[in-house]
Protein backbone atom coordinates (compact mmCIF):
# COMPACT_ATOMS: atom_id res chain seq x y z
CA UNK A 1 -25.35 8.02 20.34
CA UNK A 2 -27.78 8.99 18.17
CA UNK A 3 -26.34 5.57 16.19
CA UNK A 4 -27.48 2.94 18.64
CA UNK A 5 -31.46 4.34 19.64
CA UNK A 6 -34.24 4.59 17.36
CA UNK A 7 -35.44 7.96 16.86
CA UNK A 8 -39.20 8.24 16.82
CA UNK A 9 -41.21 10.40 15.12
CA UNK A 10 -40.37 12.84 12.27
CA UNK A 11 -36.71 12.74 11.45
CA UNK A 12 -35.33 16.33 11.60
CA UNK A 13 -33.31 17.70 9.61
CA UNK A 14 -28.94 17.10 10.16
CA UNK A 15 -30.19 15.07 12.70
CA UNK A 16 -27.87 11.38 13.55
CA UNK A 17 -28.76 8.99 11.32
CA UNK A 18 -27.38 5.42 12.00
CA UNK A 19 -24.38 4.94 9.90
CA UNK A 20 -25.33 2.71 6.24
CA UNK A 21 -22.97 0.34 3.82
CA UNK A 22 -21.99 3.25 1.59
CA UNK A 23 -20.39 5.13 4.33
CA UNK A 24 -18.04 2.19 5.91
CA UNK A 25 -16.99 0.46 1.83
CA UNK A 26 -16.03 4.29 1.20
CA UNK A 27 -14.30 4.18 4.25
CA UNK A 28 -13.17 0.43 3.22
CA UNK A 29 -12.37 2.23 -0.28
CA UNK A 30 -10.27 4.97 0.43
CA UNK A 31 -8.13 2.61 3.30
CA UNK A 32 -7.25 -0.31 -0.10
CA UNK A 33 -6.27 2.46 -1.97
CA UNK A 34 -3.64 3.46 0.64
CA UNK A 35 -2.14 0.71 1.16
CA UNK A 36 -2.09 -1.01 -2.31
CA UNK A 37 0.87 0.49 -3.56
CA UNK A 38 3.31 -0.54 -0.68
CA UNK A 39 1.66 -4.06 -0.29
CA UNK A 40 2.21 -5.15 -4.23
CA UNK A 41 5.76 -3.74 -4.18
CA UNK A 42 5.56 -6.72 -0.89
CA UNK A 43 4.12 -9.64 -2.97
CA UNK A 44 6.49 -8.30 -5.83
CA UNK A 45 10.07 -8.55 -4.21
CA UNK A 46 9.00 -11.89 -2.44
CA UNK A 47 8.46 -13.12 -5.47
CA UNK A 48 11.76 -11.51 -6.53
CA UNK A 49 13.24 -13.39 -3.58
CA UNK A 50 11.57 -16.28 -4.72
CA UNK A 51 13.02 -16.53 -7.85
CA UNK A 52 16.65 -15.24 -6.87
CA UNK A 53 16.39 -18.57 -5.07
CA UNK A 54 14.93 -21.04 -7.64
CA UNK A 55 18.08 -19.65 -10.32
CA UNK A 56 20.78 -19.88 -8.27
CA UNK A 57 19.44 -24.48 -7.39
CA UNK A 58 19.90 -23.49 -11.45
CA UNK A 59 22.79 -22.11 -11.47
CA UNK A 60 24.38 -19.59 -9.33
CA UNK A 61 25.54 -17.47 -11.90
CA UNK A 62 22.05 -16.71 -13.35
CA UNK A 63 20.90 -14.76 -9.86
CA UNK A 64 22.52 -12.11 -11.66
CA UNK A 65 19.22 -11.99 -13.84
CA UNK A 66 17.36 -10.68 -10.70
CA UNK A 67 20.30 -9.18 -8.64
CA UNK A 68 21.22 -7.01 -10.54
CA UNK A 69 17.05 -5.06 -11.33
CA UNK A 70 16.97 -5.37 -7.62
CA UNK A 71 20.10 -3.07 -7.03
CA UNK A 72 19.38 -0.85 -9.87
CA UNK A 73 16.20 -0.03 -8.47
CA UNK A 74 16.76 0.26 -5.03
CA UNK A 75 19.84 3.23 -6.35
CA UNK A 76 16.94 4.51 -8.68
CA UNK A 77 14.27 5.04 -5.89
CA UNK A 78 17.10 6.60 -3.16
CA UNK A 79 17.99 8.67 -5.82
CA UNK A 80 14.55 9.90 -6.78
CA UNK A 81 14.19 9.62 -2.22
CA UNK A 82 17.59 12.36 -2.59
CA UNK A 83 16.01 14.59 -5.26
CA UNK A 84 12.20 14.22 -3.18
CA UNK A 85 13.59 15.40 0.45
CA UNK A 86 16.08 17.60 0.58
CA UNK A 87 17.83 17.57 4.13
CA UNK A 88 17.85 21.03 5.88
CA UNK A 89 19.80 23.20 5.18
CA UNK A 90 21.27 21.83 1.86
């Protein structure tokens, strides 16, 4: 509750202080560090889908240029996850 009231008199050591801008920026930075990779992957997937549809309008066989690497990436990711997290009793 000390954040919302002016402190009168000399500040006490270890007393409540108002939160500053630096604490807010630190929290924002930590959240963005956590979300940066998933957001980047999401953007790349949308770009991949758009390029796939664009290539399909040019020629249906050209979609293999984006579909095959996407399938390969999914297979690689599933193998990597399987090696990281073994099921119990295995």
